[in-house]
């Protein structure tokens, strides 16, 4: 894999995410979250499961009032807005999709969160050299980074985190025996031009090489199978509106990719992993929770 330019990355993200905000609103939840939901009940509704997902992320990060949060690849700003409203942090989101950034900024204004929540159309690599945050999250970003770029990506994120801070990396990884197929070729050509999935052990090795402590790992594979299945059902229910917005080709492409993704997650060829990483430093002042119980209460 060769190193990728900022321009190429921006074009690839635009290809997928700038299709139409109105199109995505047809099948996403009100928070406009386009990543794996978290179902507390097996037959749970998408809206509640997505709210539970962002809240789980906030709890894993141990967010506290007054802290600063960097939301890498923030999408339509759902996590950033939730963290500001429910945890009292100051959030800064960055995305390579102009359509997403415009939508998020409008919502921030409507919610009266200006000054506490900022979403920018900006490459992570263009943040000021001195930018520092207490906590960082990257939800659904690692799939776009490129395996060759893992060392620089994980090192860059670590440099922006205050000592002792936590970073949550939420993303798709393939199983150990993964092989490229016609399905993945279709996805890379028509859906995710810069898609690049690694195995879990490969990813964890690069995290440790960058100096991170791997504090916790959780696989939400079956949660993503249900998420994609519900997206398919919701998109099919509004097929005529979708075709009017993006045309038959894009509608059918997205429907096929979401259905195939649901099957792949259900079958186990890919999984959704949340890594909680810590920037190791002096242990004074760091009190690790005795159990995970508070995360799931």
C-alpha atoms as a PDB file:
ATOM      1  CA  UNK A   1       0.000   0.000   0.000  1.00  0.00           C
ATOM      2  CA  UNK A   2       1.317   3.429  -0.909  1.00  0.00           C
ATOM      3  CA  UNK A   3       0.914   6.533   1.214  1.00  0.00           C
ATOM      4  CA  UNK A   4      -2.231   8.420   0.300  1.00  0.00           C
ATOM      5  CA  UNK A   5      -2.576  12.131  -0.338  1.00  0.00           C
ATOM      6  CA  UNK A   6      -4.985  14.425   1.469  1.00  0.00           C
ATOM      7  CA  UNK A   7      -6.672  15.154  -1.852  1.00  0.00           C
ATOM      8  CA  UNK A   8      -7.243  11.488  -2.608  1.00  0.00           C
ATOM      9  CA  UNK A   9      -8.624  10.862   0.868  1.00  0.00           C
ATOM     10  CA  UNK A  10     -10.995  13.828   0.569  1.00  0.00           C
ATOM     11  CA  UNK A  11     -12.236  12.620  -2.830  1.00  0.00           C
ATOM     12  CA  UNK A  12     -12.859   9.111  -1.505  1.00  0.00           C
ATOM     13  CA  UNK A  13     -14.791  10.348   1.523  1.00  0.00           C
ATOM     14  CA  UNK A  14     -16.812  12.723  -0.642  1.00  0.00           C
ATOM     15  CA  UNK A  15     -17.687   9.850  -3.005  1.00  0.00           C
ATOM     16  CA  UNK A  16     -19.382   7.987  -0.184  1.00  0.00           C
ATOM     17  CA  UNK A  17     -20.614  10.553   2.316  1.00  0.00           C
ATOM     18  CA  UNK A  18     -21.563  13.483   0.095  1.00  0.00           C
ATOM     19  CA  UNK A  19     -24.139  11.424  -1.821  1.00  0.00           C
ATOM     20  CA  UNK A  20     -26.936  13.402  -0.153  1.00  0.00           C
ATOM     21  CA  UNK A  21     -27.738  14.257   3.462  1.00  0.00           C
ATOM     22  CA  UNK A  22     -31.418  13.757   2.640  1.00  0.00           C
ATOM     23  CA  UNK A  23     -30.661  10.284   1.279  1.00  0.00           C
ATOM     24  CA  UNK A  24     -28.908   9.187   4.461  1.00  0.00           C
ATOM     25  CA  UNK A  25     -31.697  10.674   6.569  1.00  0.00           C
ATOM     26  CA  UNK A  26     -34.080   8.179   4.933  1.00  0.00           C
ATOM     27  CA  UNK A  27     -32.562   5.220   6.770  1.00  0.00           C
ATOM     28  CA  UNK A  28     -30.400   6.580   9.603  1.00  0.00           C
ATOM     29  CA  UNK A  29     -31.659   7.519  13.068  1.00  0.00           C
ATOM     30  CA  UNK A  30     -32.369  11.131  14.154  1.00  0.00           C
ATOM     31  CA  UNK A  31     -28.762  11.507  15.405  1.00  0.00           C
ATOM     32  CA  UNK A  32     -27.556  10.628  11.864  1.00  0.00           C
ATOM     33  CA  UNK A  33     -25.177   7.967  13.145  1.00  0.00           C
ATOM     34  CA  UNK A  34     -23.701   5.862  10.350  1.00  0.00           C
ATOM     35  CA  UNK A  35     -21.833   3.337  12.457  1.00  0.00           C
ATOM     36  CA  UNK A  36     -22.648   0.228  14.481  1.00  0.00           C
ATOM     37  CA  UNK A  37     -25.467   0.657  17.001  1.00  0.00           C
ATOM     38  CA  UNK A  38     -25.519  -0.984  20.449  1.00  0.00           C
ATOM     39  CA  UNK A  39     -28.604  -3.073  21.188  1.00  0.00           C
ATOM     40  CA  UNK A  40     -29.372  -3.519  24.866  1.00  0.00           C
ATOM     41  CA  UNK A  41     -32.318  -5.692  23.762  1.00  0.00           C
ATOM     42  CA  UNK A  42     -32.029  -8.292  20.951  1.00  0.00           C
ATOM     43  CA  UNK A  43     -35.056  -6.849  19.149  1.00  0.00           C
ATOM     44  CA  UNK A  44     -34.301  -3.232  20.019  1.00  0.00           C
ATOM     45  CA  UNK A  45     -35.131  -0.274  17.806  1.00  0.00           C
ATOM     46  CA  UNK A  46     -32.423   1.526  15.860  1.00  0.00           C
ATOM     47  CA  UNK A  47     -33.100   4.949  17.408  1.00  0.00           C
ATOM     48  CA  UNK A  48     -32.574   3.723  20.974  1.00  0.00           C
ATOM     49  CA  UNK A  49     -29.629   1.509  20.011  1.00  0.00           C
ATOM     50  CA  UNK A  50     -27.749   4.407  18.413  1.00  0.00           C
ATOM     51  CA  UNK A  51     -28.322   6.631  21.445  1.00  0.00           C
ATOM     52  CA  UNK A  52     -27.064   3.756  23.615  1.00  0.00           C
ATOM     53  CA  UNK A  53     -23.998   3.407  21.361  1.00  0.00           C
ATOM     54  CA  UNK A  54     -22.821   7.013  21.691  1.00  0.00           C
ATOM     55  CA  UNK A  55     -23.512   6.875  25.419  1.00  0.00           C
ATOM     56  CA  UNK A  56     -21.446   3.690  25.720  1.00  0.00           C
ATOM     57  CA  UNK A  57     -18.567   5.454  23.946  1.00  0.00           C
ATOM     58  CA  UNK A  58     -18.821   8.395  26.343  1.00  0.00           C
ATOM     59  CA  UNK A  59     -18.831   6.085  29.359  1.00  0.00           C
ATOM     60  CA  UNK A  60     -15.848   4.098  28.103  1.00  0.00           C
ATOM     61  CA  UNK A  61     -13.951   7.366  27.672  1.00  0.00           C
ATOM     62  CA  UNK A  62     -14.930   8.331  31.255  1.00  0.00           C
ATOM     63  CA  UNK A  63     -15.961  11.777  30.027  1.00  0.00           C
ATOM     64  CA  UNK A  64     -16.247  14.452  32.703  1.00  0.00           C
ATOM     65  CA  UNK A  65     -17.584  18.038  32.639  1.00  0.00           C
ATOM     66  CA  UNK A  66     -14.964  20.503  31.473  1.00  0.00           C
ATOM     67  CA  UNK A  67     -12.900  17.988  29.502  1.00  0.00           C
ATOM     68  CA  UNK A  68     -12.048  18.440  25.832  1.00  0.00           C
ATOM     69  CA  UNK A  69     -12.995  15.788  23.271  1.00  0.00           C
ATOM     70  CA  UNK A  70     -11.661  15.395  19.734  1.00  0.00           C
ATOM     71  CA  UNK A  71     -14.084  13.491  17.482  1.00  0.00           C
ATOM     72  CA  UNK A  72     -12.085  12.293  14.448  1.00  0.00           C
ATOM     73  CA  UNK A  73     -14.181  11.642  11.347  1.00  0.00           C
ATOM     74  CA  UNK A  74     -17.176  12.989  13.251  1.00  0.00           C
ATOM     75  CA  UNK A  75     -19.744  12.414  10.508  1.00  0.00           C
ATOM     76  CA  UNK A  76     -22.857  14.471  11.099  1.00  0.00           C
ATOM     77  CA  UNK A  77     -21.659  15.385  14.601  1.00  0.00           C
ATOM     78  CA  UNK A  78     -23.827  12.965  16.587  1.00  0.00           C
ATOM     79  CA  UNK A  79     -21.196  11.914  19.130  1.00  0.00           C
ATOM     80  CA  UNK A  80     -19.833  15.426  19.589  1.00  0.00           C
ATOM     81  CA  UNK A  81     -23.293  16.889  20.192  1.00  0.00           C
ATOM     82  CA  UNK A  82     -24.290  14.056  22.551  1.00  0.00           C
ATOM     83  CA  UNK A  83     -21.097  14.420  24.594  1.00  0.00           C
ATOM     84  CA  UNK A  84     -21.616  18.164  24.990  1.00  0.00           C
ATOM     85  CA  UNK A  85     -25.278  17.836  25.941  1.00  0.00           C
ATOM     86  CA  UNK A  86     -24.999  14.855  28.285  1.00  0.00           C
ATOM     87  CA  UNK A  87     -21.450  14.978  29.646  1.00  0.00           C
ATOM     88  CA  UNK A  88     -20.619  18.672  29.732  1.00  0.00           C
ATOM     89  CA  UNK A  89     -17.465  18.467  27.616  1.00  0.00           C
ATOM     90  CA  UNK A  90     -16.203  20.821  24.937  1.00  0.00           C
ATOM     91  CA  UNK A  91     -16.164  18.873  21.666  1.00  0.00           C
ATOM     92  CA  UNK A  92     -14.269  19.416  18.423  1.00  0.00           C
ATOM     93  CA  UNK A  93     -15.232  17.280  15.432  1.00  0.00           C
ATOM     94  CA  UNK A  94     -13.451  17.063  12.084  1.00  0.00           C
ATOM     95  CA  UNK A  95     -14.702  15.441   8.878  1.00  0.00           C
ATOM     96  CA  UNK A  96     -13.591  15.242   5.255  1.00  0.00           C
ATOM     97  CA  UNK A  97     -17.202  15.459   4.088  1.00  0.00           C
ATOM     98  CA  UNK A  98     -18.384  19.006   3.444  1.00  0.00           C
ATOM     99  CA  UNK A  99     -22.013  17.895   3.361  1.00  0.00           C
ATOM    100  CA  UNK A 100     -21.666  16.347   6.810  1.00  0.00           C
ATOM    101  CA  UNK A 101     -19.934  19.405   8.238  1.00  0.00           C
ATOM    102  CA  UNK A 102     -22.602  21.763   6.887  1.00  0.00           C
ATOM    103  CA  UNK A 103     -25.386  19.609   8.361  1.00  0.00           C
ATOM    104  CA  UNK A 104     -23.640  19.340  11.742  1.00  0.00           C
ATOM    105  CA  UNK A 105     -22.968  23.078  12.010  1.00  0.00           C
ATOM    106  CA  UNK A 106     -26.628  23.838  11.288  1.00  0.00           C
ATOM    107  CA  UNK A 107     -27.723  21.438  14.024  1.00  0.00           C
ATOM    108  CA  UNK A 108     -25.227  22.886  16.492  1.00  0.00           C
ATOM    109  CA  UNK A 109     -26.732  26.315  15.882  1.00  0.00           C
ATOM    110  CA  UNK A 110     -30.279  24.976  16.314  1.00  0.00           C
ATOM    111  CA  UNK A 111     -29.316  23.280  19.572  1.00  0.00           C
ATOM    112  CA  UNK A 112     -27.626  26.428  20.913  1.00  0.00           C
ATOM    113  CA  UNK A 113     -24.276  24.667  21.346  1.00  0.00           C
ATOM    114  CA  UNK A 114     -21.990  27.158  19.625  1.00  0.00           C
ATOM    115  CA  UNK A 115     -18.930  27.828  21.725  1.00  0.00           C
ATOM    116  CA  UNK A 116     -19.075  24.330  23.234  1.00  0.00           C
ATOM    117  CA  UNK A 117     -19.300  22.203  20.086  1.00  0.00           C
ATOM    118  CA  UNK A 118     -17.406  22.770  16.850  1.00  0.00           C
ATOM    119  CA  UNK A 119     -17.497  20.662  13.689  1.00  0.00           C
ATOM    120  CA  UNK A 120     -15.068  21.520  10.914  1.00  0.00           C
ATOM    121  CA  UNK A 121     -14.558  20.403   7.337  1.00  0.00           C
ATOM    122  CA  UNK A 122     -10.897  19.664   7.900  1.00  0.00           C
ATOM    123  CA  UNK A 123      -8.293  16.948   7.538  1.00  0.00           C
ATOM    124  CA  UNK A 124      -7.014  15.645  10.869  1.00  0.00           C
ATOM    125  CA  UNK A 125      -3.491  16.251   9.588  1.00  0.00           C
ATOM    126  CA  UNK A 126      -4.238  19.978   9.283  1.00  0.00           C
ATOM    127  CA  UNK A 127      -4.980  20.532  12.962  1.00  0.00           C
ATOM    128  CA  UNK A 128      -2.512  22.940  14.656  1.00  0.00           C
ATOM    129  CA  UNK A 129       0.682  21.247  15.896  1.00  0.00           C
ATOM    130  CA  UNK A 130      -0.107  22.253  19.473  1.00  0.00           C
ATOM    131  CA  UNK A 131      -3.681  20.899  19.526  1.00  0.00           C
ATOM    132  CA  UNK A 132      -4.239  18.827  22.693  1.00  0.00           C
ATOM    133  CA  UNK A 133      -7.308  17.040  24.059  1.00  0.00           C
ATOM    134  CA  UNK A 134      -8.256  15.130  27.200  1.00  0.00           C
ATOM    135  CA  UNK A 135     -10.090  12.388  25.305  1.00  0.00           C
ATOM    136  CA  UNK A 136     -10.232  11.343  21.622  1.00  0.00           C
ATOM    137  CA  UNK A 137     -12.620   9.121  19.663  1.00  0.00           C
ATOM    138  CA  UNK A 138     -12.483   7.817  16.094  1.00  0.00           C
ATOM    139  CA  UNK A 139     -15.762   6.087  15.228  1.00  0.00           C
ATOM    140  CA  UNK A 140     -15.749   4.356  11.838  1.00  0.00           C
ATOM    141  CA  UNK A 141     -12.483   5.975  10.728  1.00  0.00           C
ATOM    142  CA  UNK A 142      -9.859   3.235  10.742  1.00  0.00           C
ATOM    143  CA  UNK A 143     -11.456   1.644   7.648  1.00  0.00           C
ATOM    144  CA  UNK A 144     -10.411   4.729   5.643  1.00  0.00           C
ATOM    145  CA  UNK A 145      -6.906   5.279   7.038  1.00  0.00           C
ATOM    146  CA  UNK A 146      -5.037   2.653   5.005  1.00  0.00           C
ATOM    147  CA  UNK A 147      -2.944  -0.051   6.676  1.00  0.00           C
ATOM    148  CA  UNK A 148       0.309   1.521   5.470  1.00  0.00           C
ATOM    149  CA  UNK A 149      -0.678   4.691   7.309  1.00  0.00           C
ATOM    150  CA  UNK A 150      -1.413   3.056  10.683  1.00  0.00           C
ATOM    151  CA  UNK A 151       1.963   3.965  12.238  1.00  0.00           C
ATOM    152  CA  UNK A 152       1.639   7.664  11.427  1.00  0.00           C
ATOM    153  CA  UNK A 153      -2.078   7.743  12.293  1.00  0.00           C
ATOM    154  CA  UNK A 154      -1.765   6.153  15.734  1.00  0.00           C
ATOM    155  CA  UNK A 155       1.330   8.225  16.514  1.00  0.00           C
ATOM    156  CA  UNK A 156      -0.449  11.425  15.478  1.00  0.00           C
ATOM    157  CA  UNK A 157      -3.505  10.689  17.615  1.00  0.00           C
ATOM    158  CA  UNK A 158      -1.274   9.884  20.581  1.00  0.00           C
ATOM    159  CA  UNK A 159       0.593  13.188  20.186  1.00  0.00           C
ATOM    160  CA  UNK A 160      -2.689  15.114  20.418  1.00  0.00           C
ATOM    161  CA  UNK A 161      -3.808  13.420  23.624  1.00  0.00           C
ATOM    162  CA  UNK A 162      -2.926  14.750  27.056  1.00  0.00           C
ATOM    163  CA  UNK A 163      -0.824  12.448  29.237  1.00  0.00           C
ATOM    164  CA  UNK A 164      -2.919   9.701  30.786  1.00  0.00           C
ATOM    165  CA  UNK A 165      -5.773  10.366  28.356  1.00  0.00           C
ATOM    166  CA  UNK A 166      -8.035   7.793  26.716  1.00  0.00           C
ATOM    167  CA  UNK A 167      -8.634   7.126  23.032  1.00  0.00           C
ATOM    168  CA  UNK A 168     -11.485   4.979  21.686  1.00  0.00           C
ATOM    169  CA  UNK A 169     -11.027   3.425  18.244  1.00  0.00           C
ATOM    170  CA  UNK A 170     -14.246   1.926  16.842  1.00  0.00           C
ATOM    171  CA  UNK A 171     -13.961   0.183  13.498  1.00  0.00           C
ATOM    172  CA  UNK A 172     -14.355  -2.828  11.225  1.00  0.00           C
ATOM    173  CA  UNK A 173     -11.688  -5.543  11.016  1.00  0.00           C
ATOM    174  CA  UNK A 174     -11.644  -8.811   9.096  1.00  0.00           C
ATOM    175  CA  UNK A 175     -11.057 -12.230  10.592  1.00  0.00           C
ATOM    176  CA  UNK A 176      -7.662 -13.937  10.591  1.00  0.00           C
ATOM    177  CA  UNK A 177      -8.335 -16.091   7.519  1.00  0.00           C
ATOM    178  CA  UNK A 178      -9.849 -13.312   5.403  1.00  0.00           C
ATOM    179  CA  UNK A 179      -9.339 -13.449   1.650  1.00  0.00           C
ATOM    180  CA  UNK A 180     -10.229 -10.863  -0.971  1.00  0.00           C
ATOM    181  CA  UNK A 181     -13.438 -11.727  -2.869  1.00  0.00           C
ATOM    182  CA  UNK A 182     -15.663 -10.297  -5.590  1.00  0.00           C
ATOM    183  CA  UNK A 183     -17.735  -8.765  -2.783  1.00  0.00           C
ATOM    184  CA  UNK A 184     -14.794  -6.771  -1.429  1.00  0.00           C
ATOM    185  CA  UNK A 185     -13.778  -5.764  -4.969  1.00  0.00           C
ATOM    186  CA  UNK A 186     -17.298  -4.426  -5.500  1.00  0.00           C
ATOM    187  CA  UNK A 187     -17.168  -2.460  -2.259  1.00  0.00           C
ATOM    188  CA  UNK A 188     -13.766  -0.919  -2.962  1.00  0.00           C
ATOM    189  CA  UNK A 189     -14.700   0.042  -6.517  1.00  0.00           C
ATOM    190  CA  UNK A 190     -18.232   1.345  -6.054  1.00  0.00           C
ATOM    191  CA  UNK A 191     -18.749   2.172  -2.361  1.00  0.00           C
ATOM    192  CA  UNK A 192     -15.523   2.777  -0.422  1.00  0.00           C
ATOM    193  CA  UNK A 193     -12.745   3.785  -2.858  1.00  0.00           C
ATOM    194  CA  UNK A 194     -10.199   4.076  -0.039  1.00  0.00           C
ATOM    195  CA  UNK A 195     -11.419   1.145   2.056  1.00  0.00           C
ATOM    196  CA  UNK A 196      -8.693  -0.947   3.674  1.00  0.00           C
ATOM    197  CA  UNK A 197      -9.436  -3.491   6.409  1.00  0.00           C
ATOM    198  CA  UNK A 198      -6.867  -5.143   8.661  1.00  0.00           C
ATOM    199  CA  UNK A 199      -7.016  -8.004  11.112  1.00  0.00           C
ATOM    200  CA  UNK A 200      -7.442  -7.393  14.835  1.00  0.00           C
ATOM    201  CA  UNK A 201      -3.982  -8.652  15.805  1.00  0.00           C
ATOM    202  CA  UNK A 202      -2.357  -6.586  13.046  1.00  0.00           C
ATOM    203  CA  UNK A 203      -4.121  -3.455  14.274  1.00  0.00           C
ATOM    204  CA  UNK A 204      -3.262  -4.080  17.903  1.00  0.00           C
ATOM    205  CA  UNK A 205       0.400  -4.578  17.024  1.00  0.00           C
ATOM    206  CA  UNK A 206       0.525  -1.153  15.369  1.00  0.00           C
ATOM    207  CA  UNK A 207      -1.231   0.404  18.354  1.00  0.00           C
ATOM    208  CA  UNK A 208       1.370  -1.021  20.737  1.00  0.00           C
ATOM    209  CA  UNK A 209       4.235  -0.003  18.462  1.00  0.00           C
ATOM    210  CA  UNK A 210       2.930   3.571  18.623  1.00  0.00           C
ATOM    211  CA  UNK A 211       3.226   3.478  22.418  1.00  0.00           C
ATOM    212  CA  UNK A 212      -0.390   2.860  23.411  1.00  0.00           C
ATOM    213  CA  UNK A 213      -1.560   0.735  26.311  1.00  0.00           C
ATOM    214  CA  UNK A 214      -4.390  -1.472  25.005  1.00  0.00           C
ATOM    215  CA  UNK A 215      -6.774  -1.072  27.911  1.00  0.00           C
ATOM    216  CA  UNK A 216      -9.906  -2.822  26.639  1.00  0.00           C
ATOM    217  CA  UNK A 217     -11.209  -4.557  23.501  1.00  0.00           C
ATOM    218  CA  UNK A 218     -14.827  -5.443  22.696  1.00  0.00           C
ATOM    219  CA  UNK A 219     -16.349  -7.025  19.588  1.00  0.00           C
ATOM    220  CA  UNK A 220     -19.813  -5.740  18.624  1.00  0.00           C
ATOM    221  CA  UNK A 221     -20.079  -7.871  15.469  1.00  0.00           C
ATOM    222  CA  UNK A 222     -23.660  -9.060  15.946  1.00  0.00           C
ATOM    223  CA  UNK A 223     -24.749  -5.546  16.842  1.00  0.00           C
ATOM    224  CA  UNK A 224     -23.520  -4.381  13.433  1.00  0.00           C
ATOM    225  CA  UNK A 225     -25.291  -7.252  11.666  1.00  0.00           C
ATOM    226  CA  UNK A 226     -28.581  -6.009  13.125  1.00  0.00           C
ATOM    227  CA  UNK A 227     -27.726  -2.355  12.436  1.00  0.00           C
ATOM    228  CA  UNK A 228     -27.128  -3.027   8.730  1.00  0.00           C
ATOM    229  CA  UNK A 229     -30.240  -5.185   8.515  1.00  0.00           C
ATOM    230  CA  UNK A 230     -32.343  -2.382   9.968  1.00  0.00           C
ATOM    231  CA  UNK A 231     -30.771   0.123   7.572  1.00  0.00           C
ATOM    232  CA  UNK A 232     -31.765  -2.139   4.680  1.00  0.00           C
ATOM    233  CA  UNK A 233     -35.340  -2.398   5.929  1.00  0.00           C
ATOM    234  CA  UNK A 234     -35.629   1.353   6.431  1.00  0.00           C
ATOM    235  CA  UNK A 235     -34.127   2.152   3.023  1.00  0.00           C
ATOM    236  CA  UNK A 236     -36.401  -0.328   1.252  1.00  0.00           C
ATOM    237  CA  UNK A 237     -39.419   1.212   2.983  1.00  0.00           C
ATOM    238  CA  UNK A 238     -38.565   4.562   1.381  1.00  0.00           C
ATOM    239  CA  UNK A 239     -37.303   3.281  -1.951  1.00  0.00           C
ATOM    240  CA  UNK A 240     -39.209   5.761  -4.109  1.00  0.00           C
ATOM    241  CA  UNK A 241     -37.830   8.724  -2.161  1.00  0.00           C
ATOM    242  CA  UNK A 242     -34.324   7.285  -2.358  1.00  0.00           C
ATOM    243  CA  UNK A 243     -34.530   6.837  -6.126  1.00  0.00           C
ATOM    244  CA  UNK A 244     -35.772  10.402  -6.526  1.00  0.00           C
ATOM    245  CA  UNK A 245     -32.823  11.723  -4.527  1.00  0.00           C
ATOM    246  CA  UNK A 246     -29.894   9.690  -5.855  1.00  0.00           C
ATOM    247  CA  UNK A 247     -31.156   7.614  -8.769  1.00  0.00           C
ATOM    248  CA  UNK A 248     -31.670   3.893  -9.298  1.00  0.00           C
ATOM    249  CA  UNK A 249     -27.975   2.969  -9.520  1.00  0.00           C
ATOM    250  CA  UNK A 250     -26.925   4.524  -6.212  1.00  0.00           C
ATOM    251  CA  UNK A 251     -30.035   3.258  -4.437  1.00  0.00           C
ATOM    252  CA  UNK A 252     -29.408  -0.336  -5.576  1.00  0.00           C
ATOM    253  CA  UNK A 253     -25.661  -0.094  -4.865  1.00  0.00           C
ATOM    254  CA  UNK A 254     -26.212   1.051  -1.292  1.00  0.00           C
ATOM    255  CA  UNK A 255     -28.939  -1.530  -0.731  1.00  0.00           C
ATOM    256  CA  UNK A 256     -26.658  -4.327  -1.936  1.00  0.00           C
ATOM    257  CA  UNK A 257     -23.674  -3.139   0.097  1.00  0.00           C
ATOM    258  CA  UNK A 258     -25.739  -2.854   3.306  1.00  0.00           C
ATOM    259  CA  UNK A 259     -27.319  -6.288   2.807  1.00  0.00           C
ATOM    260  CA  UNK A 260     -23.944  -7.916   2.085  1.00  0.00           C
ATOM    261  CA  UNK A 261     -22.438  -6.183   5.115  1.00  0.00           C
ATOM    262  CA  UNK A 262     -25.172  -7.530   7.377  1.00  0.00           C
ATOM    263  CA  UNK A 263     -24.506 -11.064   6.120  1.00  0.00           C
ATOM    264  CA  UNK A 264     -20.738 -10.678   6.547  1.00  0.00           C
ATOM    265  CA  UNK A 265     -21.104  -9.501  10.142  1.00  0.00           C
ATOM    266  CA  UNK A 266     -23.600 -12.265  10.902  1.00  0.00           C
ATOM    267  CA  UNK A 267     -21.272 -14.873   9.410  1.00  0.00           C
ATOM    268  CA  UNK A 268     -18.186 -13.612  11.209  1.00  0.00           C
ATOM    269  CA  UNK A 269     -15.904 -12.791   8.282  1.00  0.00           C
ATOM    270  CA  UNK A 270     -15.742  -9.226   9.601  1.00  0.00           C
ATOM    271  CA  UNK A 271     -16.261  -7.777  13.066  1.00  0.00           C
ATOM    272  CA  UNK A 272     -16.712  -4.420  14.739  1.00  0.00           C
ATOM    273  CA  UNK A 273     -14.139  -3.774  17.447  1.00  0.00           C
ATOM    274  CA  UNK A 274     -13.921  -1.041  20.031  1.00  0.00           C
ATOM    275  CA  UNK A 275     -10.375  -0.557  21.313  1.00  0.00           C
ATOM    276  CA  UNK A 276      -9.958   1.592  24.396  1.00  0.00           C
ATOM    277  CA  UNK A 277      -6.367   2.846  24.496  1.00  0.00           C
ATOM    278  CA  UNK A 278      -4.506   4.835  27.114  1.00  0.00           C
ATOM    279  CA  UNK A 279      -1.573   7.180  26.717  1.00  0.00           C
ATOM    280  CA  UNK A 280       0.649   5.767  29.427  1.00  0.00           C
ATOM    281  CA  UNK A 281       2.261   8.215  31.811  1.00  0.00           C
ATOM    282  CA  UNK A 282       2.872   8.567  35.528  1.00  0.00           C
ATOM    283  CA  UNK A 283       0.275   6.419  37.291  1.00  0.00           C
ATOM    284  CA  UNK A 284      -0.221   9.036  40.003  1.00  0.00           C
ATOM    285  CA  UNK A 285      -3.750  10.385  39.712  1.00  0.00           C
ATOM    286  CA  UNK A 286      -4.967   7.485  37.549  1.00  0.00           C
ATOM    287  CA  UNK A 287      -7.486   5.244  39.276  1.00  0.00           C
ATOM    288  CA  UNK A 288      -8.561   2.377  37.094  1.00  0.00           C
ATOM    289  CA  UNK A 289     -12.130   1.155  37.661  1.00  0.00           C
ATOM    290  CA  UNK A 290     -12.232  -2.214  39.393  1.00  0.00           C
ATOM    291  CA  UNK A 291     -14.753  -3.699  36.941  1.00  0.00           C
ATOM    292  CA  UNK A 292     -16.586  -2.947  33.712  1.00  0.00           C
ATOM    293  CA  UNK A 293     -19.955  -2.981  35.465  1.00  0.00           C
ATOM    294  CA  UNK A 294     -20.559   0.764  35.386  1.00  0.00           C
ATOM    295  CA  UNK A 295     -20.228   0.768  31.582  1.00  0.00           C
ATOM    296  CA  UNK A 296     -23.231  -1.478  31.128  1.00  0.00           C
ATOM    297  CA  UNK A 297     -25.553  -0.295  33.897  1.00  0.00           C
END
